[in-house]
Amino acid sequence: MTADEVASSVVRNTKLRGGLVFQLRDEIWKWLLLTSWFEARFPEQHDKINFVDEIEESIRKPWIEKAKKTRRRNALAARQLTLKL
């Protein structure tokens, strides 16, 4: 699975938009590089660890929080703009 596929999966599940998606892809690339190094170094452990689920789980929670904060900030900015008009 490529970083883009993992990112797409996480994006679908968290409904991220805009710049957060690119930050997420960078984070996933780091994870995939680490996991490919681990698989090369410890091939006997490969069957015991499901990296995609681990990556998604470790990334999903903080990114869901970022998405919530961004949506709240955008909603607040929209309300303030409407009040000024």
N, C-alpha and C. Protein backbone atom coordinates (compact mmCIF):
# COMPACT_ATOMS: atom_id res chain seq x y z
N MET A 1 0.85 -1.17 0.00
CA MET A 1 0.00 0.00 0.00
C MET A 1 0.90 1.24 0.00
N THR A 2 0.59 2.19 -0.87
CA THR A 2 1.42 3.39 -0.96
C THR A 2 0.94 4.43 0.06
N ALA A 3 1.76 5.45 0.24
CA ALA A 3 1.40 6.53 1.17
C ALA A 3 0.12 7.21 0.73
N ASP A 4 -0.06 7.38 -0.58
CA ASP A 4 -1.28 8.02 -1.07
C ASP A 4 -2.52 7.18 -0.77
N GLU A 5 -2.40 5.86 -0.90
CA GLU A 5 -3.53 4.98 -0.59
C GLU A 5 -3.87 5.02 0.89
N VAL A 6 -2.84 4.99 1.73
CA VAL A 6 -3.09 5.07 3.18
C VAL A 6 -3.68 6.43 3.51
N ALA A 7 -3.13 7.49 2.92
CA ALA A 7 -3.64 8.85 3.17
C ALA A 7 -5.09 8.95 2.72
N SER A 8 -5.41 8.40 1.56
CA SER A 8 -6.79 8.46 1.07
C SER A 8 -7.73 7.75 2.03
N SER A 9 -7.30 6.62 2.54
CA SER A 9 -8.12 5.88 3.50
C SER A 9 -8.36 6.70 4.77
N VAL A 10 -7.29 7.29 5.29
CA VAL A 10 -7.43 8.09 6.51
C VAL A 10 -8.27 9.34 6.23
N VAL A 11 -8.06 9.97 5.06
CA VAL A 11 -8.83 11.17 4.70
C VAL A 11 -10.32 10.83 4.61
N ARG A 12 -10.65 9.71 4.00
CA ARG A 12 -12.06 9.30 3.91
C ARG A 12 -12.65 9.13 5.31
N ASN A 13 -11.87 8.55 6.21
CA ASN A 13 -12.38 8.29 7.56
C ASN A 13 -12.44 9.53 8.43
N THR A 14 -11.59 10.52 8.18
CA THR A 14 -11.55 11.70 9.04
C THR A 14 -12.13 12.94 8.38
N LYS A 15 -12.39 12.88 7.07
CA LYS A 15 -12.95 13.99 6.31
C LYS A 15 -12.06 15.24 6.37
N LEU A 16 -10.75 15.04 6.25
CA LEU A 16 -9.82 16.17 6.24
C LEU A 16 -9.91 16.90 4.91
N ARG A 17 -9.56 18.16 4.92
CA ARG A 17 -9.56 18.97 3.70
C ARG A 17 -8.31 19.84 3.65
N GLY A 18 -7.99 20.32 2.46
CA GLY A 18 -6.94 21.32 2.26
C GLY A 18 -5.55 20.91 2.68
N GLY A 19 -4.85 21.84 3.32
CA GLY A 19 -3.45 21.66 3.68
C GLY A 19 -3.20 20.51 4.65
N LEU A 20 -4.20 20.17 5.45
CA LEU A 20 -4.02 19.06 6.40
C LEU A 20 -3.77 17.75 5.66
N VAL A 21 -4.34 17.60 4.47
CA VAL A 21 -4.15 16.37 3.70
C VAL A 21 -2.68 16.21 3.32
N PHE A 22 -2.04 17.31 2.90
CA PHE A 22 -0.63 17.24 2.51
C PHE A 22 0.27 16.96 3.72
N GLN A 23 -0.04 17.55 4.87
CA GLN A 23 0.70 17.26 6.09
C GLN A 23 0.54 15.80 6.47
N LEU A 24 -0.66 15.27 6.29
CA LEU A 24 -0.93 13.87 6.59
C LEU A 24 -0.10 12.96 5.69
N ARG A 25 -0.03 13.28 4.40
CA ARG A 25 0.75 12.45 3.48
C ARG A 25 2.22 12.42 3.88
N ASP A 26 2.76 13.57 4.29
CA ASP A 26 4.15 13.60 4.76
C ASP A 26 4.35 12.69 5.96
N GLU A 27 3.40 12.74 6.87
CA GLU A 27 3.47 11.90 8.07
C GLU A 27 3.43 10.41 7.69
N ILE A 28 2.58 10.08 6.75
CA ILE A 28 2.47 8.68 6.32
C ILE A 28 3.73 8.23 5.61
N TRP A 29 4.34 9.11 4.80
CA TRP A 29 5.60 8.74 4.14
C TRP A 29 6.66 8.38 5.18
N LYS A 30 6.72 9.15 6.25
CA LYS A 30 7.68 8.84 7.32
C LYS A 30 7.41 7.46 7.90
N TRP A 31 6.14 7.17 8.16
CA TRP A 31 5.77 5.86 8.71
C TRP A 31 6.12 4.74 7.75
N LEU A 32 5.83 4.93 6.46
CA LEU A 32 6.10 3.86 5.50
C LEU A 32 7.60 3.62 5.34
N LEU A 33 8.39 4.68 5.39
CA LEU A 33 9.84 4.48 5.34
C LEU A 33 10.32 3.70 6.56
N LEU A 34 9.79 4.04 7.71
CA LEU A 34 10.15 3.33 8.94
C LEU A 34 9.72 1.86 8.86
N THR A 35 8.51 1.62 8.38
CA THR A 35 8.04 0.24 8.32
C THR A 35 8.80 -0.57 7.28
N SER A 36 9.17 0.03 6.15
CA SER A 36 9.93 -0.72 5.15
C SER A 36 11.32 -1.05 5.69
N TRP A 37 11.91 -0.14 6.46
CA TRP A 37 13.19 -0.42 7.10
C TRP A 37 13.03 -1.58 8.08
N PHE A 38 11.96 -1.53 8.88
CA PHE A 38 11.71 -2.58 9.87
C PHE A 38 11.51 -3.93 9.19
N GLU A 39 10.73 -3.95 8.11
CA GLU A 39 10.48 -5.21 7.40
C GLU A 39 11.77 -5.77 6.82
N ALA A 40 12.63 -4.90 6.31
CA ALA A 40 13.90 -5.37 5.75
C ALA A 40 14.82 -5.89 6.84
N ARG A 41 14.80 -5.24 7.97
CA ARG A 41 15.69 -5.61 9.07
C ARG A 41 15.21 -6.84 9.83
N PHE A 42 13.89 -6.96 9.99
CA PHE A 42 13.32 -8.07 10.76
C PHE A 42 12.24 -8.78 9.94
N PRO A 43 12.61 -9.48 8.88
CA PRO A 43 11.60 -10.10 8.01
C PRO A 43 10.74 -11.14 8.71
N GLU A 44 11.25 -11.78 9.74
CA GLU A 44 10.47 -12.81 10.43
C GLU A 44 9.29 -12.22 11.20
N GLN A 45 9.34 -10.93 11.51
CA GLN A 45 8.26 -10.27 12.25
C GLN A 45 7.14 -9.76 11.34
N HIS A 46 7.38 -9.79 10.03
CA HIS A 46 6.44 -9.17 9.09
C HIS A 46 5.02 -9.71 9.23
N ASP A 47 4.87 -11.03 9.38
CA ASP A 47 3.54 -11.61 9.45
C ASP A 47 2.81 -11.28 10.75
N LYS A 48 3.54 -10.94 11.77
CA LYS A 48 2.92 -10.71 13.08
C LYS A 48 2.40 -9.29 13.25
N ILE A 49 2.81 -8.38 12.39
CA ILE A 49 2.46 -6.97 12.58
C ILE A 49 1.70 -6.47 11.37
N ASN A 50 0.56 -5.87 11.60
CA ASN A 50 -0.20 -5.27 10.51
C ASN A 50 0.06 -3.76 10.55
N PHE A 51 1.01 -3.32 9.73
CA PHE A 51 1.45 -1.94 9.80
C PHE A 51 0.39 -0.93 9.39
N VAL A 52 -0.41 -1.27 8.40
CA VAL A 52 -1.40 -0.30 7.92
C VAL A 52 -2.37 0.06 9.03
N ASP A 53 -2.88 -0.96 9.75
CA ASP A 53 -3.80 -0.67 10.85
C ASP A 53 -3.11 0.15 11.93
N GLU A 54 -1.87 -0.20 12.21
CA GLU A 54 -1.11 0.52 13.24
C GLU A 54 -0.89 1.98 12.82
N ILE A 55 -0.54 2.17 11.57
CA ILE A 55 -0.32 3.53 11.05
C ILE A 55 -1.62 4.32 11.13
N GLU A 56 -2.69 3.73 10.61
CA GLU A 56 -3.96 4.45 10.61
C GLU A 56 -4.39 4.81 12.02
N GLU A 57 -4.27 3.87 12.93
CA GLU A 57 -4.70 4.11 14.30
C GLU A 57 -3.87 5.20 14.97
N SER A 58 -2.55 5.17 14.77
CA SER A 58 -1.70 6.15 15.44
C SER A 58 -1.83 7.53 14.82
N ILE A 59 -2.21 7.60 13.55
CA ILE A 59 -2.34 8.89 12.89
C ILE A 59 -3.77 9.42 12.99
N ARG A 60 -4.74 8.53 12.95
CA ARG A 60 -6.14 8.96 12.87
C ARG A 60 -6.56 9.86 14.02
N LYS A 61 -6.25 9.47 15.25
CA LYS A 61 -6.73 10.24 16.41
C LYS A 61 -6.25 11.69 16.41
N PRO A 62 -4.93 11.94 16.26
CA PRO A 62 -4.51 13.34 16.24
C PRO A 62 -5.06 14.12 15.04
N TRP A 63 -5.21 13.45 13.91
CA TRP A 63 -5.71 14.15 12.72
C TRP A 63 -7.19 14.42 12.81
N ILE A 64 -7.94 13.57 13.49
CA ILE A 64 -9.35 13.85 13.70
C ILE A 64 -9.48 15.11 14.55
N GLU A 65 -8.63 15.21 15.57
CA GLU A 65 -8.65 16.40 16.43
C GLU A 65 -8.30 17.66 15.63
N LYS A 66 -7.28 17.56 14.77
CA LYS A 66 -6.91 18.72 13.93
C LYS A 66 -8.07 19.12 13.03
N ALA A 67 -8.74 18.14 12.44
CA ALA A 67 -9.86 18.44 11.55
C ALA A 67 -11.00 19.11 12.32
N LYS A 68 -11.28 18.62 13.53
CA LYS A 68 -12.34 19.22 14.34
C LYS A 68 -12.00 20.67 14.68
N LYS A 69 -10.74 20.91 15.08
CA LYS A 69 -10.33 22.28 15.43
C LYS A 69 -10.42 23.20 14.21
N THR A 70 -10.01 22.70 13.05
CA THR A 70 -10.07 23.51 11.83
C THR A 70 -11.51 23.84 11.48
N ARG A 71 -12.40 22.84 11.57
CA ARG A 71 -13.81 23.10 11.27
C ARG A 71 -14.40 24.11 12.24
N ARG A 72 -14.05 23.98 13.54
CA ARG A 72 -14.55 24.95 14.54
C ARG A 72 -14.05 26.36 14.23
N ARG A 73 -12.74 26.44 13.91
CA ARG A 73 -12.15 27.75 13.60
C ARG A 73 -12.81 28.37 12.37
N ASN A 74 -13.05 27.56 11.34
CA ASN A 74 -13.68 28.06 10.13
C ASN A 74 -15.12 28.50 10.40
N ALA A 75 -15.84 27.73 11.21
CA ALA A 75 -17.22 28.09 11.54
C ALA A 75 -17.27 29.39 12.34
N LEU A 76 -16.33 29.55 13.27
CA LEU A 76 -16.27 30.77 14.06
C LEU A 76 -15.95 31.97 13.17
N ALA A 77 -14.99 31.81 12.27
CA ALA A 77 -14.63 32.90 11.35
C ALA A 77 -15.81 33.26 10.46
N ALA A 78 -16.56 32.29 10.00
CA ALA A 78 -17.73 32.55 9.15
C ALA A 78 -18.79 33.32 9.95
N ARG A 79 -19.01 32.91 11.21
CA ARG A 79 -19.98 33.62 12.05
C ARG A 79 -19.57 35.07 12.28
N GLN A 80 -18.29 35.26 12.57
CA GLN A 80 -17.81 36.62 12.82
C GLN A 80 -17.94 37.48 11.57
N LEU A 81 -17.66 36.91 10.42
CA LEU A 81 -17.78 37.65 9.16
C LEU A 81 -19.23 38.03 8.91
N THR A 82 -20.17 37.12 9.19
CA THR A 82 -21.58 37.43 8.98
C THR A 82 -22.06 38.50 9.95
N LEU A 83 -21.54 38.49 11.16
CA LEU A 83 -21.93 39.52 12.13
C LEU A 83 -21.43 40.89 11.70
N LYS A 84 -20.25 40.94 11.08
CA LYS A 84 -19.71 42.22 10.62
C LYS A 84 -20.49 42.77 9.44
N LEU A 85 -21.05 41.89 8.62
CA LEU A 85 -21.82 42.33 7.45
C LEU A 85 -23.18 42.75 7.91
